[in-house]
Amino acid sequence: DYGVWAREVDIVANDHYTIAADPRRHVDLSFSADRLR
């Protein structure tokens, strides 16, 4: 539950990999980045 974890790190850091088979894989990238923000 990274929403809880985020309060315990000094810098929030993320790994993100796109899914090659998804022709609109940038959609998940944007959604995930906004979740992280």
Full PDB file with SEQRES, HELIX, SHEET, SSBOND, CRYST1, ORIGX, SCALE, CONECT and MASTER records, all heavy atoms in Angstrom:
SEQRES   1 A   37  ASP TYR GLY VAL TRP ALA ARG GLU VAL ASP ILE VAL ALA          
SEQRES   2 A   37  ASN ASP HIS TYR THR ILE ALA ALA ASP PRO ARG ARG HIS          
SEQRES   3 A   37  VAL ASP LEU SER PHE SER ALA ASP ARG LEU ARG                  
HELIX    1 AA1 TYR A    2  TRP A    5  1                                   4    
HELIX    2 AA2 ALA A    6  GLU A    8  5                                   3    
HELIX    3 AA3 ARG A   25  LEU A   36  1                                  12    
CRYST1    1.000    1.000    1.000  90.00  90.00  90.00 P 1           1          
ORIGX1      1.000000  0.000000  0.000000        0.00000                         
ORIGX2      0.000000  1.000000  0.000000        0.00000                         
ORIGX3      0.000000  0.000000  1.000000        0.00000                         
SCALE1      1.000000  0.000000  0.000000        0.00000                         
SCALE2      0.000000  1.000000  0.000000        0.00000                         
SCALE3      0.000000  0.000000  1.000000        0.00000                         
ATOM      1  N   ASP A   1       0.864  -1.177   0.000  1.00  0.00           N  
ATOM      2  CA  ASP A   1       0.000   0.000   0.000  1.00  0.00           C  
ATOM      3  C   ASP A   1       0.900   1.227   0.000  1.00  0.00           C  
ATOM      4  O   ASP A   1       1.245   1.782   1.035  1.00  0.00           O  
ATOM      5  CB  ASP A   1      -0.901  -0.010   1.234  1.00  0.00           C  
ATOM      6  CG  ASP A   1      -1.942   1.102   1.212  1.00  0.00           C  
ATOM      7  OD1 ASP A   1      -1.819   2.021   0.375  1.00  0.00           O  
ATOM      8  OD2 ASP A   1      -2.871   1.064   2.043  1.00  0.00           O  
ATOM      9  N   TYR A   2       1.287   1.675  -1.195  1.00  0.00           N  
ATOM     10  CA  TYR A   2       2.291   2.718  -1.307  1.00  0.00           C  
ATOM     11  C   TYR A   2       1.805   4.075  -0.812  1.00  0.00           C  
ATOM     12  O   TYR A   2       2.622   4.946  -0.519  1.00  0.00           O  
ATOM     13  CB  TYR A   2       2.766   2.823  -2.755  1.00  0.00           C  
ATOM     14  CG  TYR A   2       3.600   1.648  -3.205  1.00  0.00           C  
ATOM     15  CD1 TYR A   2       3.252   0.906  -4.327  1.00  0.00           C  
ATOM     16  CD2 TYR A   2       4.740   1.275  -2.501  1.00  0.00           C  
ATOM     17  CE1 TYR A   2       4.025  -0.173  -4.737  1.00  0.00           C  
ATOM     18  CE2 TYR A   2       5.510   0.195  -2.901  1.00  0.00           C  
ATOM     19  CZ  TYR A   2       5.149  -0.519  -4.025  1.00  0.00           C  
ATOM     20  OH  TYR A   2       5.912  -1.587  -4.422  1.00  0.00           O  
ATOM     21  N   GLY A   3       0.503   4.261  -0.724  1.00  0.00           N  
ATOM     22  CA  GLY A   3       0.010   5.490  -0.116  1.00  0.00           C  
ATOM     23  C   GLY A   3       0.458   5.614   1.327  1.00  0.00           C  
ATOM     24  O   GLY A   3       0.756   6.720   1.811  1.00  0.00           O  
ATOM     25  N   VAL A   4       0.530   4.493   2.029  1.00  0.00           N  
ATOM     26  CA  VAL A   4       1.047   4.467   3.407  1.00  0.00           C  
ATOM     27  C   VAL A   4       2.574   4.564   3.390  1.00  0.00           C  
ATOM     28  O   VAL A   4       3.178   5.318   4.150  1.00  0.00           O  
ATOM     29  CB  VAL A   4       0.590   3.184   4.126  1.00  0.00           C  
ATOM     30  CG1 VAL A   4       1.249   3.072   5.496  1.00  0.00           C  
ATOM     31  CG2 VAL A   4      -0.931   3.165   4.260  1.00  0.00           C  
ATOM     32  N   TRP A   5       3.209   3.803   2.509  1.00  0.00           N  
ATOM     33  CA  TRP A   5       4.671   3.791   2.422  1.00  0.00           C  
ATOM     34  C   TRP A   5       5.228   5.174   2.103  1.00  0.00           C  
ATOM     35  O   TRP A   5       6.320   5.538   2.566  1.00  0.00           O  
ATOM     36  CB  TRP A   5       5.116   2.816   1.334  1.00  0.00           C  
ATOM     37  CG  TRP A   5       5.002   1.366   1.661  1.00  0.00           C  
ATOM     38  CD1 TRP A   5       3.917   0.720   2.156  1.00  0.00           C  
ATOM     39  CD2 TRP A   5       6.006   0.362   1.479  1.00  0.00           C  
ATOM     40  NE1 TRP A   5       4.180  -0.626   2.287  1.00  0.00           N  
ATOM     41  CE2 TRP A   5       5.452  -0.867   1.884  1.00  0.00           C  
ATOM     42  CE3 TRP A   5       7.301   0.393   0.999  1.00  0.00           C  
ATOM     43  CZ2 TRP A   5       6.165  -2.057   1.836  1.00  0.00           C  
ATOM     44  CZ3 TRP A   5       8.020  -0.793   0.941  1.00  0.00           C  
ATOM     45  CH2 TRP A   5       7.456  -2.007   1.362  1.00  0.00           C  
ATOM     46  N   ALA A   6       4.507   5.957   1.294  1.00  0.00           N  
ATOM     47  CA  ALA A   6       5.032   7.251   0.853  1.00  0.00           C  
ATOM     48  C   ALA A   6       5.319   8.186   2.010  1.00  0.00           C  
ATOM     49  O   ALA A   6       6.173   9.072   1.900  1.00  0.00           O  
ATOM     50  CB  ALA A   6       4.052   7.899  -0.125  1.00  0.00           C  
ATOM     51  N   ARG A   7       4.629   7.993   3.121  1.00  0.00           N  
ATOM     52  CA  ARG A   7       4.864   8.841   4.301  1.00  0.00           C  
ATOM     53  C   ARG A   7       6.136   8.459   5.038  1.00  0.00           C  
ATOM     54  O   ARG A   7       6.553   9.166   5.954  1.00  0.00           O  
ATOM     55  CB  ARG A   7       3.653   8.756   5.241  1.00  0.00           C  
ATOM     56  CG  ARG A   7       2.361   9.253   4.620  1.00  0.00           C  
ATOM     57  CD  ARG A   7       1.262   9.426   5.652  1.00  0.00           C  
ATOM     58  NE  ARG A   7       0.756   8.173   6.181  1.00  0.00           N  
ATOM     59  CZ  ARG A   7      -0.273   7.501   5.665  1.00  0.00           C  
ATOM     60  NH1 ARG A   7      -0.895   7.960   4.587  1.00  0.00           N  
ATOM     61  NH2 ARG A   7      -0.695   6.373   6.205  1.00  0.00           N  
ATOM     62  N   GLU A   8       6.742   7.345   4.660  1.00  0.00           N  
ATOM     63  CA  GLU A   8       7.899   6.837   5.390  1.00  0.00           C  
ATOM     64  C   GLU A   8       9.215   6.978   4.614  1.00  0.00           C  
ATOM     65  O   GLU A   8      10.261   6.599   5.135  1.00  0.00           O  
ATOM     66  CB  GLU A   8       7.675   5.353   5.737  1.00  0.00           C  
ATOM     67  CG  GLU A   8       6.388   5.069   6.498  1.00  0.00           C  
ATOM     68  CD  GLU A   8       6.352   5.712   7.875  1.00  0.00           C  
ATOM     69  OE1 GLU A   8       7.408   6.159   8.351  1.00  0.00           O  
ATOM     70  OE2 GLU A   8       5.259   5.776   8.466  1.00  0.00           O  
ATOM     71  N   VAL A   9       9.176   7.469   3.392  1.00  0.00           N  
ATOM     72  CA  VAL A   9      10.403   7.667   2.616  1.00  0.00           C  
ATOM     73  C   VAL A   9      10.701   9.152   2.537  1.00  0.00           C  
ATOM     74  O   VAL A   9       9.800   9.990   2.575  1.00  0.00           O  
ATOM     75  CB  VAL A   9      10.279   7.067   1.199  1.00  0.00           C  
ATOM     76  CG1 VAL A   9      10.111   5.557   1.270  1.00  0.00           C  
ATOM     77  CG2 VAL A   9       9.134   7.703   0.419  1.00  0.00           C  
ATOM     78  N   ASP A  10      11.976   9.479   2.422  1.00  0.00           N  
ATOM     79  CA  ASP A  10      12.366  10.882   2.326  1.00  0.00           C  
ATOM     80  C   ASP A  10      12.218  11.415   0.907  1.00  0.00           C  
ATOM     81  O   ASP A  10      12.004  12.606   0.709  1.00  0.00           O  
ATOM     82  CB  ASP A  10      13.808  11.053   2.816  1.00  0.00           C  
ATOM     83  CG  ASP A  10      13.958  10.647   4.269  1.00  0.00           C  
ATOM     84  OD1 ASP A  10      13.098  11.043   5.081  1.00  0.00           O  
ATOM     85  OD2 ASP A  10      14.905   9.913   4.597  1.00  0.00           O  
ATOM     86  N   ILE A  11      12.336  10.553  -0.069  1.00  0.00           N  
ATOM     87  CA  ILE A  11      12.047  10.875  -1.461  1.00  0.00           C  
ATOM     88  C   ILE A  11      11.194   9.736  -2.014  1.00  0.00           C  
ATOM     89  O   ILE A  11      11.598   8.575  -1.950  1.00  0.00           O  
ATOM     90  CB  ILE A  11      13.337  11.006  -2.301  1.00  0.00           C  
ATOM     91  CG1 ILE A  11      14.196  12.172  -1.800  1.00  0.00           C  
ATOM     92  CG2 ILE A  11      13.007  11.186  -3.773  1.00  0.00           C  
ATOM     93  CD1 ILE A  11      15.551  12.262  -2.480  1.00  0.00           C  
ATOM     94  N   VAL A  12      10.018  10.053  -2.512  1.00  0.00           N  
ATOM     95  CA  VAL A  12       9.196   9.035  -3.154  1.00  0.00           C  
ATOM     96  C   VAL A  12       9.854   8.660  -4.479  1.00  0.00           C  
ATOM     97  O   VAL A  12      10.192   9.528  -5.288  1.00  0.00           O  
ATOM     98  CB  VAL A  12       7.766   9.547  -3.377  1.00  0.00           C  
ATOM     99  CG1 VAL A  12       6.954   8.544  -4.189  1.00  0.00           C  
ATOM    100  CG2 VAL A  12       7.080   9.824  -2.040  1.00  0.00           C  
ATOM    101  N   ALA A  13      10.071   7.362  -4.687  1.00  0.00           N  
ATOM    102  CA  ALA A  13      10.740   6.882  -5.899  1.00  0.00           C  
ATOM    103  C   ALA A  13       9.933   5.729  -6.492  1.00  0.00           C  
ATOM    104  O   ALA A  13       9.336   4.935  -5.758  1.00  0.00           O  
ATOM    105  CB  ALA A  13      12.163   6.419  -5.581  1.00  0.00           C  
ATOM    106  N   ASN A  14       9.946   5.636  -7.810  1.00  0.00           N  
ATOM    107  CA  ASN A  14       9.115   4.633  -8.466  1.00  0.00           C  
ATOM    108  C   ASN A  14       9.836   3.976  -9.624  1.00  0.00           C  
ATOM    109  O   ASN A  14      10.674   4.577 -10.291  1.00  0.00           O  
ATOM    110  CB  ASN A  14       7.829   5.285  -9.002  1.00  0.00           C  
ATOM    111  CG  ASN A  14       6.790   4.262  -9.407  1.00  0.00           C  
ATOM    112  OD1 ASN A  14       6.482   3.358  -8.633  1.00  0.00           O  
ATOM    113  ND2 ASN A  14       6.243   4.385 -10.599  1.00  0.00           N  
ATOM    114  N   ASP A  15       9.498   2.696  -9.864  1.00  0.00           N  
ATOM    115  CA  ASP A  15       9.891   1.978 -11.070  1.00  0.00           C  
ATOM    116  C   ASP A  15       8.661   1.855 -11.955  1.00  0.00           C  
ATOM    117  O   ASP A  15       7.573   1.481 -11.470  1.00  0.00           O  
ATOM    118  CB  ASP A  15      10.401   0.573 -10.743  1.00  0.00           C  
ATOM    119  CG  ASP A  15      11.684   0.587  -9.928  1.00  0.00           C  
ATOM    120  OD1 ASP A  15      12.248   1.678  -9.705  1.00  0.00           O  
ATOM    121  OD2 ASP A  15      12.115  -0.501  -9.497  1.00  0.00           O  
ATOM    122  N   HIS A  16       8.798   2.155 -13.237  1.00  0.00           N  
ATOM    123  CA  HIS A  16       7.656   2.020 -14.140  1.00  0.00           C  
ATOM    124  C   HIS A  16       8.117   1.462 -15.475  1.00  0.00           C  
ATOM    125  O   HIS A  16       9.051   1.983 -16.093  1.00  0.00           O  
ATOM    126  CB  HIS A  16       6.946   3.352 -14.370  1.00  0.00           C  
ATOM    127  CG  HIS A  16       5.686   3.181 -15.164  1.00  0.00           C  
ATOM    128  ND1 HIS A  16       5.679   3.148 -16.549  1.00  0.00           N  
ATOM    129  CD2 HIS A  16       4.401   2.973 -14.776  1.00  0.00           C  
ATOM    130  CE1 HIS A  16       4.447   2.934 -16.965  1.00  0.00           C  
ATOM    131  NE2 HIS A  16       3.654   2.829 -15.913  1.00  0.00           N  
ATOM    132  N   TYR A  17       7.430   0.400 -15.921  1.00  0.00           N  
ATOM    133  CA  TYR A  17       7.716  -0.213 -17.217  1.00  0.00           C  
ATOM    134  C   TYR A  17       6.426  -0.310 -18.026  1.00  0.00           C  
ATOM    135  O   TYR A  17       5.387  -0.715 -17.494  1.00  0.00           O  
ATOM    136  CB  TYR A  17       8.335  -1.603 -17.034  1.00  0.00           C  
ATOM    137  CG  TYR A  17       9.703  -1.546 -16.402  1.00  0.00           C  
ATOM    138  CD1 TYR A  17       9.876  -1.716 -15.034  1.00  0.00           C  
ATOM    139  CD2 TYR A  17      10.828  -1.268 -17.181  1.00  0.00           C  
ATOM    140  CE1 TYR A  17      11.127  -1.630 -14.449  1.00  0.00           C  
ATOM    141  CE2 TYR A  17      12.086  -1.186 -16.607  1.00  0.00           C  
ATOM    142  CZ  TYR A  17      12.235  -1.366 -15.246  1.00  0.00           C  
ATOM    143  OH  TYR A  17      13.479  -1.273 -14.673  1.00  0.00           O  
ATOM    144  N   THR A  18       6.487   0.082 -19.274  1.00  0.00           N  
ATOM    145  CA  THR A  18       5.315   0.003 -20.132  1.00  0.00           C  
ATOM    146  C   THR A  18       5.140  -1.419 -20.677  1.00  0.00           C  
ATOM    147  O   THR A  18       6.074  -2.214 -20.686  1.00  0.00           O  
ATOM    148  CB  THR A  18       5.432   0.992 -21.310  1.00  0.00           C  
ATOM    149  OG1 THR A  18       6.651   0.733 -22.021  1.00  0.00           O  
ATOM    150  CG2 THR A  18       5.440   2.423 -20.810  1.00  0.00           C  
ATOM    151  N   ILE A  19       3.939  -1.715 -21.135  1.00  0.00           N  
ATOM    152  CA  ILE A  19       3.599  -3.035 -21.657  1.00  0.00           C  
ATOM    153  C   ILE A  19       3.585  -2.962 -23.176  1.00  0.00           C  
ATOM    154  O   ILE A  19       2.742  -2.288 -23.784  1.00  0.00           O  
ATOM    155  CB  ILE A  19       2.230  -3.501 -21.134  1.00  0.00           C  
ATOM    156  CG1 ILE A  19       2.219  -3.473 -19.598  1.00  0.00           C  
ATOM    157  CG2 ILE A  19       1.908  -4.897 -21.659  1.00  0.00           C  
ATOM    158  CD1 ILE A  19       3.256  -4.352 -18.945  1.00  0.00           C  
ATOM    159  N   ALA A  20       4.529  -3.651 -23.800  1.00  0.00           N  
ATOM    160  CA  ALA A  20       4.731  -3.526 -25.246  1.00  0.00           C  
ATOM    161  C   ALA A  20       3.479  -3.882 -26.042  1.00  0.00           C  
ATOM    162  O   ALA A  20       3.226  -3.294 -27.100  1.00  0.00           O  
ATOM    163  CB  ALA A  20       5.907  -4.400 -25.674  1.00  0.00           C  
ATOM    164  N   ALA A  21       2.681  -4.838 -25.565  1.00  0.00           N  
ATOM    165  CA  ALA A  21       1.512  -5.285 -26.312  1.00  0.00           C  
ATOM    166  C   ALA A  21       0.362  -4.288 -26.265  1.00  0.00           C  
ATOM    167  O   ALA A  21      -0.613  -4.431 -27.011  1.00  0.00           O  
ATOM    168  CB  ALA A  21       1.043  -6.638 -25.771  1.00  0.00           C  
ATOM    169  N   ASP A  22       0.451  -3.286 -25.412  1.00  0.00           N  
ATOM    170  CA  ASP A  22      -0.605  -2.284 -25.268  1.00  0.00           C  
ATOM    171  C   ASP A  22      -0.318  -1.126 -26.220  1.00  0.00           C  
ATOM    172  O   ASP A  22       0.653  -0.392 -26.042  1.00  0.00           O  
ATOM    173  CB  ASP A  22      -0.645  -1.781 -23.822  1.00  0.00           C  
ATOM    174  CG  ASP A  22      -1.756  -0.769 -23.588  1.00  0.00           C  
ATOM    175  OD1 ASP A  22      -2.453  -0.395 -24.547  1.00  0.00           O  
ATOM    176  OD2 ASP A  22      -1.919  -0.331 -22.425  1.00  0.00           O  
ATOM    177  N   PRO A  23      -1.143  -0.934 -27.260  1.00  0.00           N  
ATOM    178  CA  PRO A  23      -0.847   0.143 -28.218  1.00  0.00           C  
ATOM    179  C   PRO A  23      -0.953   1.535 -27.603  1.00  0.00           C  
ATOM    180  O   PRO A  23      -0.400   2.495 -28.158  1.00  0.00           O  
ATOM    181  CB  PRO A  23      -1.905  -0.069 -29.317  1.00  0.00           C  
ATOM    182  CG  PRO A  23      -3.007  -0.820 -28.654  1.00  0.00           C  
ATOM    183  CD  PRO A  23      -2.352  -1.684 -27.616  1.00  0.00           C  
ATOM    184  N   ARG A  24      -1.644   1.672 -26.478  1.00  0.00           N  
ATOM    185  CA  ARG A  24      -1.747   2.963 -25.779  1.00  0.00           C  
ATOM    186  C   ARG A  24      -1.099   2.856 -24.396  1.00  0.00           C  
ATOM    187  O   ARG A  24      -1.656   3.264 -23.388  1.00  0.00           O  
ATOM    188  CB  ARG A  24      -3.212   3.403 -25.688  1.00  0.00           C  
ATOM    189  CG  ARG A  24      -3.776   3.794 -27.052  1.00  0.00           C  
ATOM    190  CD  ARG A  24      -5.201   4.299 -26.992  1.00  0.00           C  
ATOM    191  NE  ARG A  24      -5.405   5.379 -26.048  1.00  0.00           N  
ATOM    192  CZ  ARG A  24      -5.000   6.654 -26.240  1.00  0.00           C  
ATOM    193  NH1 ARG A  24      -4.350   6.970 -27.355  1.00  0.00           N  
ATOM    194  NH2 ARG A  24      -5.237   7.572 -25.346  1.00  0.00           N  
ATOM    195  N   ARG A  25       0.113   2.310 -24.396  1.00  0.00           N  
ATOM    196  CA  ARG A  25       0.799   2.055 -23.130  1.00  0.00           C  
ATOM    197  C   ARG A  25       1.155   3.341 -22.384  1.00  0.00           C  
ATOM    198  O   ARG A  25       1.349   3.314 -21.171  1.00  0.00           O  
ATOM    199  CB  ARG A  25       2.046   1.212 -23.363  1.00  0.00           C  
ATOM    200  CG  ARG A  25       2.927   1.655 -24.504  1.00  0.00           C  
ATOM    201  CD  ARG A  25       3.919   0.566 -24.895  1.00  0.00           C  
ATOM    202  NE  ARG A  25       4.648   0.871 -26.120  1.00  0.00           N  
ATOM    203  CZ  ARG A  25       4.221   0.547 -27.332  1.00  0.00           C  
ATOM    204  NH1 ARG A  25       3.072  -0.086 -27.475  1.00  0.00           N  
ATOM    205  NH2 ARG A  25       4.939   0.844 -28.399  1.00  0.00           N  
ATOM    206  N   HIS A  26       1.222   4.457 -23.091  1.00  0.00           N  
ATOM    207  CA  HIS A  26       1.492   5.725 -22.410  1.00  0.00           C  
ATOM    208  C   HIS A  26       0.361   6.124 -21.478  1.00  0.00           C  
ATOM    209  O   HIS A  26       0.552   6.944 -20.583  1.00  0.00           O  
ATOM    210  CB  HIS A  26       1.732   6.838 -23.437  1.00  0.00           C  
ATOM    211  CG  HIS A  26       0.545   7.113 -24.313  1.00  0.00           C  
ATOM    212  ND1 HIS A  26       0.304   6.408 -25.465  1.00  0.00           N  
ATOM    213  CD2 HIS A  26      -0.464   8.010 -24.194  1.00  0.00           C  
ATOM    214  CE1 HIS A  26      -0.807   6.870 -26.028  1.00  0.00           C  
ATOM    215  NE2 HIS A  26      -1.296   7.832 -25.274  1.00  0.00           N  
ATOM    216  N   VAL A  27      -0.836   5.546 -21.685  1.00  0.00           N  
ATOM    217  CA  VAL A  27      -1.975   5.870 -20.816  1.00  0.00           C  
ATOM    218  C   VAL A  27      -1.701   5.400 -19.393  1.00  0.00           C  
ATOM    219  O   VAL A  27      -1.936   6.134 -18.422  1.00  0.00           O  
ATOM    220  CB  VAL A  27      -3.267   5.230 -21.370  1.00  0.00           C  
ATOM    221  CG1 VAL A  27      -4.415   5.380 -20.366  1.00  0.00           C  
ATOM    222  CG2 VAL A  27      -3.634   5.861 -22.705  1.00  0.00           C  
ATOM    223  N   ASP A  28      -1.198   4.171 -19.261  1.00  0.00           N  
ATOM    224  CA  ASP A  28      -0.873   3.688 -17.919  1.00  0.00           C  
ATOM    225  C   ASP A  28       0.266   4.494 -17.319  1.00  0.00           C  
ATOM    226  O   ASP A  28       0.271   4.761 -16.113  1.00  0.00           O  
ATOM    227  CB  ASP A  28      -0.486   2.212 -17.944  1.00  0.00           C  
ATOM    228  CG  ASP A  28      -0.061   1.721 -16.562  1.00  0.00           C  
ATOM    229  OD1 ASP A  28      -0.938   1.593 -15.704  1.00  0.00           O  
ATOM    230  OD2 ASP A  28       1.153   1.529 -16.355  1.00  0.00           O  
ATOM    231  N   LEU A  29       1.244   4.883 -18.143  1.00  0.00           N  
ATOM    232  CA  LEU A  29       2.352   5.690 -17.630  1.00  0.00           C  
ATOM    233  C   LEU A  29       1.826   6.976 -16.992  1.00  0.00           C  
ATOM    234  O   LEU A  29       2.197   7.324 -15.867  1.00  0.00           O  
ATOM    235  CB  LEU A  29       3.324   6.011 -18.772  1.00  0.00           C  
ATOM    236  CG  LEU A  29       4.652   6.697 -18.423  1.00  0.00           C  
ATOM    237  CD1 LEU A  29       5.665   6.463 -19.534  1.00  0.00           C  
ATOM    238  CD2 LEU A  29       4.497   8.184 -18.188  1.00  0.00           C  
ATOM    239  N   SER A  30       0.950   7.693 -17.693  1.00  0.00           N  
ATOM    240  CA  SER A  30       0.423   8.950 -17.172  1.00  0.00           C  
ATOM    241  C   SER A  30      -0.416   8.728 -15.917  1.00  0.00           C  
ATOM    242  O   SER A  30      -0.313   9.478 -14.944  1.00  0.00           O  
ATOM    243  CB  SER A  30      -0.415   9.653 -18.244  1.00  0.00           C  
ATOM    244  OG  SER A  30       0.379   9.965 -19.372  1.00  0.00           O  
ATOM    245  N   PHE A  31      -1.251   7.686 -15.949  1.00  0.00           N  
ATOM    246  CA  PHE A  31      -2.088   7.378 -14.790  1.00  0.00           C  
ATOM    247  C   PHE A  31      -1.222   7.031 -13.581  1.00  0.00           C  
ATOM    248  O   PHE A  31      -1.446   7.530 -12.467  1.00  0.00           O  
ATOM    249  CB  PHE A  31      -3.023   6.217 -15.125  1.00  0.00           C  
ATOM    250  CG  PHE A  31      -3.964   5.837 -14.022  1.00  0.00           C  
ATOM    251  CD1 PHE A  31      -5.101   6.585 -13.775  1.00  0.00           C  
ATOM    252  CD2 PHE A  31      -3.723   4.725 -13.220  1.00  0.00           C  
ATOM    253  CE1 PHE A  31      -5.977   6.234 -12.743  1.00  0.00           C  
ATOM    254  CE2 PHE A  31      -4.579   4.368 -12.201  1.00  0.00           C  
ATOM    255  CZ  PHE A  31      -5.721   5.133 -11.963  1.00  0.00           C  
ATOM    256  N   SER A  32      -0.205   6.190 -13.782  1.00  0.00           N  
ATOM    257  CA  SER A  32       0.666   5.789 -12.683  1.00  0.00           C  
ATOM    258  C   SER A  32       1.457   6.979 -12.139  1.00  0.00           C  
ATOM    259  O   SER A  32       1.627   7.119 -10.922  1.00  0.00           O  
ATOM    260  CB  SER A  32       1.631   4.689 -13.144  1.00  0.00           C  
ATOM    261  OG  SER A  32       0.924   3.533 -13.543  1.00  0.00           O  
ATOM    262  N   ALA A  33       1.954   7.836 -13.034  1.00  0.00           N  
ATOM    263  CA  ALA A  33       2.707   9.006 -12.584  1.00  0.00           C  
ATOM    264  C   ALA A  33       1.829   9.951 -11.776  1.00  0.00           C  
ATOM    265  O   ALA A  33       2.277  10.536 -10.779  1.00  0.00           O  
ATOM    266  CB  ALA A  33       3.304   9.731 -13.783  1.00  0.00           C  
ATOM    267  N   ASP A  34       0.573  10.108 -12.181  1.00  0.00           N  
ATOM    268  CA  ASP A  34      -0.330  10.962 -11.407  1.00  0.00           C  
ATOM    269  C   ASP A  34      -0.682  10.330 -10.067  1.00  0.00           C  
ATOM    270  O   ASP A  34      -0.867  11.035  -9.066  1.00  0.00           O  
ATOM    271  CB  ASP A  34      -1.596  11.252 -12.212  1.00  0.00           C  
ATOM    272  CG  ASP A  34      -1.401  12.367 -13.224  1.00  0.00           C  
ATOM    273  OD1 ASP A  34      -0.329  13.000 -13.210  1.00  0.00           O  
ATOM    274  OD2 ASP A  34      -2.311  12.611 -14.034  1.00  0.00           O  
ATOM    275  N   ARG A  35      -0.788   9.003 -10.034  1.00  0.00           N  
ATOM    276  CA  ARG A  35      -0.975   8.334  -8.740  1.00  0.00           C  
ATOM    277  C   ARG A  35       0.204   8.629  -7.814  1.00  0.00           C  
ATOM    278  O   ARG A  35       0.028   8.929  -6.626  1.00  0.00           O  
ATOM    279  CB  ARG A  35      -1.093   6.818  -8.921  1.00  0.00           C  
ATOM    280  CG  ARG A  35      -2.459   6.310  -9.329  1.00  0.00           C  
ATOM    281  CD  ARG A  35      -2.480   4.787  -9.327  1.00  0.00           C  
ATOM    282  NE  ARG A  35      -2.274   4.249  -7.996  1.00  0.00           N  
ATOM    283  CZ  ARG A  35      -1.833   3.025  -7.732  1.00  0.00           C  
ATOM    284  NH1 ARG A  35      -1.513   2.219  -8.732  1.00  0.00           N  
ATOM    285  NH2 ARG A  35      -1.687   2.621  -6.491  1.00  0.00           N  
ATOM    286  N   LEU A  36       1.403   8.544  -8.381  1.00  0.00           N  
ATOM    287  CA  LEU A  36       2.589   8.761  -7.572  1.00  0.00           C  
ATOM    288  C   LEU A  36       2.654  10.193  -7.065  1.00  0.00           C  
ATOM    289  O   LEU A  36       3.040  10.446  -5.932  1.00  0.00           O  
ATOM    290  CB  LEU A  36       3.840   8.419  -8.383  1.00  0.00           C  
ATOM    291  CG  LEU A  36       5.027   8.001  -7.525  1.00  0.00           C  
ATOM    292  CD1 LEU A  36       4.825   6.611  -6.958  1.00  0.00           C  
ATOM    293  CD2 LEU A  36       6.317   8.067  -8.298  1.00  0.00           C  
ATOM    294  N   ARG A  37       2.275  11.154  -7.944  1.00  0.00           N  
ATOM    295  CA  ARG A  37       2.278  12.549  -7.509  1.00  0.00           C  
ATOM    296  C   ARG A  37       1.319  12.764  -6.335  1.00  0.00           C  
ATOM    297  O   ARG A  37       1.619  13.527  -5.408  1.00  0.00           O  
ATOM    298  CB  ARG A  37       1.890  13.458  -8.677  1.00  0.00           C  
ATOM    299  CG  ARG A  37       1.994  14.936  -8.329  1.00  0.00           C  
ATOM    300  CD  ARG A  37       1.714  15.845  -9.508  1.00  0.00           C  
ATOM    301  NE  ARG A  37       0.305  15.919  -9.856  1.00  0.00           N  
ATOM    302  CZ  ARG A  37      -0.254  15.410 -10.943  1.00  0.00           C  
ATOM    303  NH1 ARG A  37       0.494  14.752 -11.811  1.00  0.00           N  
ATOM    304  NH2 ARG A  37      -1.543  15.536 -11.182  1.00  0.00           N  
TER     305      ARG A  37                                                      
MASTER        0    0    0    3    0    0    0    6  304    1    0    3          
END                                                                             
